[in-house]
Amino acid sequence: MAQRIKDMEMPLVIVTDKFSHWAFPYTDYVFEAHSAVKTYWDSTAAINVVLNLMIDAIAVKLGPKAL
């Protein structure tokens, strides 16, 4: 899908952890969040923060149209 979006010259935003580097050939808009923490299982908290901040920025930009 990423290749098709690139071929169509559409903007593509990828949010991933720091261990996945596959997105860079497809877009300049790659947000890498740290998921490695000192627990048994990695945490997706940082990825959720990045996504929440992006959604908030879009809502602020749209203003009342976001509702």
N, C-alpha and C. Protein backbone atom coordinates (compact mmCIF):
# COMPACT_ATOMS: atom_id res chain seq x y z
N MET A 1 0.82 -1.17 0.00
CA MET A 1 0.00 0.00 0.00
C MET A 1 0.88 1.26 0.00
N ALA A 2 1.95 1.24 0.78
CA ALA A 2 2.83 2.40 0.84
C ALA A 2 3.43 2.70 -0.53
N GLN A 3 3.80 1.67 -1.26
CA GLN A 3 4.36 1.89 -2.60
C GLN A 3 3.31 2.50 -3.53
N ARG A 4 2.10 2.03 -3.44
CA ARG A 4 1.03 2.59 -4.29
C ARG A 4 0.77 4.06 -3.97
N ILE A 5 0.75 4.40 -2.69
CA ILE A 5 0.56 5.79 -2.28
C ILE A 5 1.71 6.65 -2.80
N LYS A 6 2.93 6.15 -2.71
CA LYS A 6 4.08 6.88 -3.24
C LYS A 6 3.96 7.06 -4.74
N ASP A 7 3.55 6.01 -5.45
CA ASP A 7 3.38 6.10 -6.90
C ASP A 7 2.33 7.13 -7.28
N MET A 8 1.31 7.30 -6.44
CA MET A 8 0.25 8.27 -6.70
C MET A 8 0.65 9.68 -6.26
N GLU A 9 1.85 9.80 -5.69
CA GLU A 9 2.39 11.07 -5.19
C GLU A 9 1.49 11.72 -4.15
N MET A 10 0.90 10.87 -3.32
CA MET A 10 0.08 11.35 -2.20
C MET A 10 0.95 11.41 -0.95
N PRO A 11 0.70 12.37 -0.06
CA PRO A 11 1.47 12.42 1.18
C PRO A 11 1.14 11.21 2.06
N LEU A 12 2.16 10.68 2.69
CA LEU A 12 2.02 9.51 3.56
C LEU A 12 2.74 9.78 4.86
N VAL A 13 2.06 9.57 5.97
CA VAL A 13 2.64 9.73 7.30
C VAL A 13 2.68 8.36 7.96
N ILE A 14 3.84 7.98 8.46
CA ILE A 14 4.01 6.70 9.14
C ILE A 14 4.46 6.97 10.57
N VAL A 15 3.78 6.36 11.54
CA VAL A 15 4.19 6.40 12.94
C VAL A 15 4.59 4.98 13.32
N THR A 16 5.81 4.84 13.81
CA THR A 16 6.33 3.50 14.10
C THR A 16 7.28 3.58 15.29
N ASP A 17 7.81 2.44 15.68
CA ASP A 17 8.82 2.46 16.73
C ASP A 17 10.20 2.58 16.10
N LYS A 18 11.20 2.73 16.94
CA LYS A 18 12.55 2.99 16.41
C LYS A 18 13.20 1.77 15.79
N PHE A 19 12.55 0.62 15.87
CA PHE A 19 13.12 -0.60 15.31
C PHE A 19 12.64 -0.88 13.89
N SER A 20 11.63 -0.18 13.43
CA SER A 20 11.08 -0.40 12.09
C SER A 20 11.54 0.72 11.17
N HIS A 21 12.37 0.38 10.22
CA HIS A 21 12.93 1.39 9.31
C HIS A 21 12.41 1.25 7.89
N TRP A 22 11.39 0.45 7.69
CA TRP A 22 10.89 0.16 6.35
C TRP A 22 10.23 1.37 5.69
N ALA A 23 9.77 2.34 6.45
CA ALA A 23 8.96 3.43 5.90
C ALA A 23 9.77 4.49 5.14
N PHE A 24 11.03 4.62 5.43
CA PHE A 24 11.83 5.71 4.87
C PHE A 24 11.90 5.74 3.34
N PRO A 25 11.91 4.62 2.64
CA PRO A 25 11.90 4.70 1.17
C PRO A 25 10.59 5.23 0.59
N TYR A 26 9.53 5.26 1.40
CA TYR A 26 8.22 5.64 0.89
C TYR A 26 7.81 7.07 1.22
N THR A 27 8.37 7.64 2.27
CA THR A 27 7.94 8.97 2.70
C THR A 27 9.01 9.65 3.55
N ASP A 28 8.98 10.97 3.54
CA ASP A 28 9.84 11.75 4.44
C ASP A 28 9.16 11.96 5.78
N TYR A 29 7.88 11.64 5.87
CA TYR A 29 7.09 11.89 7.07
C TYR A 29 7.01 10.63 7.94
N VAL A 30 8.12 10.32 8.58
CA VAL A 30 8.20 9.15 9.45
C VAL A 30 8.45 9.64 10.87
N PHE A 31 7.58 9.26 11.78
CA PHE A 31 7.74 9.60 13.19
C PHE A 31 8.10 8.31 13.94
N GLU A 32 9.30 8.29 14.48
CA GLU A 32 9.75 7.12 15.25
C GLU A 32 9.64 7.43 16.73
N ALA A 33 8.95 6.56 17.44
CA ALA A 33 8.80 6.72 18.89
C ALA A 33 9.53 5.56 19.57
N HIS A 34 10.07 5.82 20.73
CA HIS A 34 10.76 4.78 21.49
C HIS A 34 9.73 3.87 22.16
N SER A 35 9.90 2.59 21.98
CA SER A 35 8.98 1.63 22.60
C SER A 35 9.69 0.73 23.61
N ALA A 36 11.01 0.78 23.63
CA ALA A 36 11.77 -0.06 24.56
C ALA A 36 11.81 0.59 25.94
N VAL A 37 11.30 -0.11 26.90
CA VAL A 37 11.33 0.34 28.29
C VAL A 37 11.87 -0.80 29.14
N LYS A 38 12.14 -0.51 30.38
CA LYS A 38 12.74 -1.53 31.25
C LYS A 38 11.67 -2.42 31.89
N THR A 39 10.82 -2.96 31.04
CA THR A 39 9.82 -3.92 31.50
C THR A 39 9.91 -5.15 30.59
N TYR A 40 9.19 -6.18 30.95
CA TYR A 40 9.23 -7.41 30.15
C TYR A 40 8.74 -7.16 28.73
N TRP A 41 7.68 -6.40 28.59
CA TRP A 41 7.06 -6.16 27.29
C TRP A 41 7.28 -4.71 26.89
N ASP A 42 7.57 -4.46 25.63
CA ASP A 42 7.72 -3.08 25.16
C ASP A 42 6.41 -2.31 25.32
N SER A 43 6.50 -1.02 25.39
CA SER A 43 5.34 -0.16 25.61
C SER A 43 5.01 0.63 24.35
N THR A 44 3.73 0.76 24.07
CA THR A 44 3.28 1.58 22.94
C THR A 44 2.90 2.99 23.40
N ALA A 45 3.20 3.34 24.63
CA ALA A 45 2.81 4.64 25.17
C ALA A 45 3.37 5.79 24.35
N ALA A 46 4.63 5.73 23.95
CA ALA A 46 5.24 6.83 23.19
C ALA A 46 4.58 6.97 21.82
N ILE A 47 4.22 5.86 21.20
CA ILE A 47 3.52 5.93 19.91
C ILE A 47 2.16 6.58 20.09
N ASN A 48 1.47 6.24 21.17
CA ASN A 48 0.17 6.86 21.46
C ASN A 48 0.30 8.35 21.69
N VAL A 49 1.36 8.78 22.35
CA VAL A 49 1.58 10.21 22.57
C VAL A 49 1.78 10.92 21.24
N VAL A 50 2.60 10.36 20.36
CA VAL A 50 2.83 10.97 19.04
C VAL A 50 1.51 11.09 18.28
N LEU A 51 0.72 10.04 18.27
CA LEU A 51 -0.56 10.07 17.56
C LEU A 51 -1.52 11.09 18.18
N ASN A 52 -1.58 11.15 19.52
CA ASN A 52 -2.44 12.12 20.18
C ASN A 52 -2.03 13.55 19.87
N LEU A 53 -0.73 13.82 19.86
CA LEU A 53 -0.25 15.17 19.53
C LEU A 53 -0.56 15.53 18.09
N MET A 54 -0.46 14.57 17.18
CA MET A 54 -0.78 14.84 15.78
C MET A 54 -2.27 15.14 15.62
N ILE A 55 -3.12 14.35 16.28
CA ILE A 55 -4.56 14.58 16.20
C ILE A 55 -4.91 15.94 16.79
N ASP A 56 -4.29 16.29 17.91
CA ASP A 56 -4.55 17.60 18.52
C ASP A 56 -4.12 18.73 17.60
N ALA A 57 -2.96 18.60 16.97
CA ALA A 57 -2.48 19.65 16.06
C ALA A 57 -3.43 19.82 14.88
N ILE A 58 -3.95 18.72 14.36
CA ILE A 58 -4.89 18.81 13.25
C ILE A 58 -6.18 19.47 13.70
N ALA A 59 -6.68 19.09 14.88
CA ALA A 59 -7.91 19.69 15.39
C ALA A 59 -7.74 21.18 15.63
N VAL A 60 -6.59 21.59 16.16
CA VAL A 60 -6.33 23.02 16.38
C VAL A 60 -6.29 23.75 15.05
N LYS A 61 -5.64 23.16 14.07
CA LYS A 61 -5.54 23.78 12.74
C LYS A 61 -6.92 23.93 12.09
N LEU A 62 -7.77 22.92 12.24
CA LEU A 62 -9.11 22.96 11.64
C LEU A 62 -10.06 23.88 12.41
N GLY A 63 -9.79 24.07 13.69
CA GLY A 63 -10.66 24.92 14.50
C GLY A 63 -12.05 24.32 14.62
N PRO A 64 -13.09 25.15 14.53
CA PRO A 64 -14.47 24.66 14.68
C PRO A 64 -14.86 23.59 13.65
N LYS A 65 -14.18 23.56 12.51
CA LYS A 65 -14.50 22.55 11.50
C LYS A 65 -14.14 21.14 11.98
N ALA A 66 -13.31 21.03 13.03
CA ALA A 66 -12.90 19.72 13.53
C ALA A 66 -14.05 19.01 14.24
N LEU A 67 -15.03 19.77 14.67
CA LEU A 67 -16.16 19.15 15.36
C LEU A 67 -17.07 18.62 14.33
